[in-house]
Amino acid sequence: MTAIPTQSGEIMATRERKTSSASHDTTSTPPENGKWISSLEKLVRTDIGNGSQCRPVVNVTNQSGSKRVVLVDVEIWTLGDSNNPPEKVDQAPQDAQPFDDGQTSEFPGPVPPKSGTYRIKVGIFGQKDQATGKWGPLLSWEDSVRDFDSPRDCPFIPGANKVSRE
């Protein structure tokens, strides 16, 4: 089982589907609609109250075969260990993002509150309902875009660890 956000941003458990990338095995849930690709574009050094940390910036590419307006949710999680499960640290949902088929756009993620190792996760949802505030249906979930150590890995060289989900 894996945790993914619901339309309202709450966490729910779903069945995992193992897929393989060139560098490692990752876990994802099947998208409802088409194909999206998420990759880490860069880590940007950002000054916060207790020193410098890394802000992840991800690329998201629409390969669904159609034009879409979506909500892109970039999250950072702890890795967890044998005694502690992974926990969501923060998220940066960005609604009403227009994508043509084949278009790639950059999205900044949240800044970790302290030094440590984190995992980037990216969800693509249908556009948020402005009347109810509920997120649209899940279109794609990438459970492990990349792990990074903040602030040690800043700056990051672009183009590493591209992962595709079908």
Protein backbone atom coordinates (compact mmCIF):
# COMPACT_ATOMS: atom_id res chain seq x y z
CA MET A 1 0.00 0.00 0.00
CA THR A 2 1.07 3.58 -0.64
CA ALA A 3 -0.27 6.93 0.56
CA ILE A 4 -1.59 9.43 -1.98
CA PRO A 5 -3.54 12.63 -1.53
CA THR A 6 -7.27 12.68 -2.15
CA GLN A 7 -9.11 15.42 -4.00
CA SER A 8 -9.20 17.49 -0.83
CA GLY A 9 -5.48 17.03 -0.19
CA GLU A 10 -5.97 14.42 2.57
CA ILE A 11 -3.95 11.20 2.50
CA MET A 12 -5.44 7.84 1.54
CA ALA A 13 -3.90 4.41 0.99
CA THR A 14 -4.06 2.73 -2.40
CA ARG A 15 -2.75 -0.45 -3.95
CA GLU A 16 0.76 -0.16 -5.38
CA ARG A 17 1.82 -1.07 -8.90
CA LYS A 18 5.54 -1.70 -9.34
CA THR A 19 7.09 -0.26 -12.47
CA SER A 20 10.68 -0.22 -13.51
CA SER A 21 12.80 2.71 -14.65
CA ALA A 22 16.32 2.48 -16.04
CA SER A 23 17.91 3.27 -12.67
CA HIS A 24 15.62 1.72 -10.03
CA ASP A 25 12.20 0.33 -9.19
CA THR A 26 9.55 2.86 -8.18
CA THR A 27 5.94 2.65 -7.09
CA SER A 28 2.94 4.39 -8.59
CA THR A 29 -0.78 4.17 -9.02
CA PRO A 30 -2.12 3.94 -12.57
CA PRO A 31 -3.30 7.26 -13.98
CA GLU A 32 -6.95 7.61 -14.91
CA ASN A 33 -6.27 9.58 -18.04
CA GLY A 34 -3.21 9.40 -20.29
CA LYS A 35 0.48 9.68 -19.63
CA TRP A 36 2.39 12.31 -17.65
CA ILE A 37 6.14 12.47 -17.02
CA SER A 38 7.68 14.06 -13.91
CA SER A 39 11.40 14.69 -13.41
CA LEU A 40 13.60 16.75 -11.12
CA GLU A 41 14.80 19.78 -13.10
CA LYS A 42 16.95 21.36 -10.39
CA LEU A 43 17.50 22.01 -6.71
CA VAL A 44 17.77 25.71 -5.89
CA ARG A 45 19.54 26.94 -2.75
CA THR A 46 17.05 28.98 -0.71
CA ASP A 47 17.77 30.93 2.47
CA ILE A 48 15.36 30.31 5.32
CA GLY A 49 15.45 31.40 8.96
CA ASN A 50 17.77 28.59 10.13
CA GLY A 51 20.15 28.53 7.13
CA SER A 52 20.07 27.44 3.50
CA GLN A 53 17.97 24.56 2.16
CA CYS A 54 17.18 23.12 -1.29
CA ARG A 55 13.96 23.99 -3.11
CA PRO A 56 13.13 21.25 -5.64
CA VAL A 57 11.90 22.38 -9.06
CA VAL A 58 10.24 19.64 -11.14
CA ASN A 59 9.37 19.38 -14.81
CA VAL A 60 5.98 17.94 -15.71
CA THR A 61 5.23 16.87 -19.30
CA ASN A 62 1.74 16.19 -20.66
CA GLN A 63 1.81 13.17 -22.97
CA SER A 64 -1.88 12.35 -22.52
CA GLY A 65 -2.76 13.07 -26.12
CA SER A 66 -4.98 16.04 -25.30
CA LYS A 67 -4.91 19.59 -23.98
CA ARG A 68 -5.62 19.72 -20.21
CA VAL A 69 -5.95 22.21 -17.37
CA VAL A 70 -4.74 20.49 -14.20
CA LEU A 71 -3.68 20.88 -10.58
CA VAL A 72 0.01 19.96 -10.09
CA ASP A 73 0.89 18.92 -6.52
CA VAL A 74 4.62 18.82 -5.67
CA GLU A 75 5.30 17.24 -2.26
CA ILE A 76 8.34 16.47 -0.11
CA TRP A 77 8.34 13.50 2.25
CA THR A 78 10.75 12.02 4.78
CA LEU A 79 12.14 8.64 3.74
CA GLY A 80 11.21 6.85 6.93
CA ASP A 81 13.07 3.85 8.31
CA SER A 82 12.34 0.52 10.00
CA ASN A 83 10.94 2.35 13.06
CA ASN A 84 9.19 5.31 11.40
CA PRO A 85 7.00 5.39 8.29
CA PRO A 86 7.56 8.12 5.67
CA GLU A 87 5.74 11.37 6.48
CA LYS A 88 4.65 14.24 4.28
CA VAL A 89 6.67 17.34 5.23
CA ASP A 90 4.99 19.89 2.95
CA GLN A 91 3.27 20.31 -0.40
CA ALA A 92 2.89 23.01 -3.05
CA PRO A 93 -0.34 22.47 -5.03
CA GLN A 94 -0.68 24.73 -8.07
CA ASP A 95 -4.12 24.81 -9.67
CA ALA A 96 -5.38 25.83 -13.12
CA GLN A 97 -2.16 24.92 -14.94
CA PRO A 98 -2.83 24.76 -18.71
CA PHE A 99 -0.95 22.10 -20.71
CA ASP A 100 -0.97 21.47 -24.44
CA ASP A 101 -0.22 17.89 -25.45
CA GLY A 102 3.57 17.46 -25.36
CA GLN A 103 4.14 20.61 -23.27
CA THR A 104 6.63 20.64 -20.39
CA SER A 105 6.35 23.15 -17.53
CA GLU A 106 8.40 23.83 -14.38
CA PHE A 107 6.88 23.77 -10.88
CA PRO A 108 8.65 24.78 -7.66
CA GLY A 109 8.17 22.54 -4.68
CA PRO A 110 8.18 23.42 -1.00
CA VAL A 111 11.40 24.12 0.92
CA PRO A 112 12.28 21.59 3.65
CA PRO A 113 12.15 23.11 7.15
CA LYS A 114 15.53 21.61 8.16
CA SER A 115 18.50 19.65 6.84
CA GLY A 116 17.84 16.02 5.93
CA THR A 117 17.06 13.54 3.18
CA TYR A 118 13.70 13.92 1.42
CA ARG A 119 11.71 12.30 -1.39
CA ILE A 120 9.90 14.33 -4.06
CA LYS A 121 6.43 13.11 -5.08
CA VAL A 122 4.25 14.63 -7.81
CA GLY A 123 0.51 14.28 -8.35
CA ILE A 124 -1.46 15.49 -11.36
CA PHE A 125 -5.17 16.07 -10.69
CA GLY A 126 -8.08 17.45 -12.63
CA GLN A 127 -8.66 21.16 -12.06
CA LYS A 128 -9.93 22.23 -8.63
CA ASP A 129 -13.67 22.93 -8.39
CA GLN A 130 -13.83 26.63 -7.49
CA ALA A 131 -17.26 26.30 -5.84
CA THR A 132 -16.39 23.38 -3.52
CA GLY A 133 -12.59 23.64 -3.32
CA LYS A 134 -12.29 19.89 -4.07
CA TRP A 135 -9.47 18.70 -6.29
CA GLY A 136 -10.36 16.99 -9.57
CA PRO A 137 -9.73 13.26 -10.13
CA LEU A 138 -6.23 11.82 -9.88
CA LEU A 139 -4.66 11.65 -13.35
CA SER A 140 -1.11 10.61 -12.41
CA TRP A 141 0.91 9.95 -9.25
CA GLU A 142 4.70 9.66 -9.17
CA ASP A 143 5.63 8.28 -5.76
CA SER A 144 9.39 8.70 -6.14
CA VAL A 145 10.59 11.40 -8.54
CA ARG A 146 13.94 11.65 -6.73
CA ASP A 147 15.50 11.63 -3.27
CA PHE A 148 17.72 14.55 -2.25
CA ASP A 149 19.76 15.64 0.74
CA SER A 150 19.14 19.25 1.72
CA PRO A 151 21.27 21.37 1.64
CA ARG A 152 24.15 19.06 0.59
CA ASP A 153 22.79 18.38 -2.93
CA CYS A 154 22.41 22.08 -3.87
CA PRO A 155 22.91 23.08 -6.58
CA PHE A 156 21.74 20.08 -8.61
CA ILE A 157 22.78 19.39 -12.23
CA PRO A 158 19.64 19.13 -14.43
CA GLY A 159 18.53 16.06 -16.39
CA ALA A 160 19.10 13.23 -13.92
CA ASN A 161 16.60 10.52 -13.00
CA LYS A 162 13.76 11.06 -15.49
CA VAL A 163 10.91 8.68 -14.71
CA SER A 164 7.94 7.88 -16.97
CA ARG A 165 4.57 6.56 -15.84
CA GLU A 166 1.90 4.97 -18.02
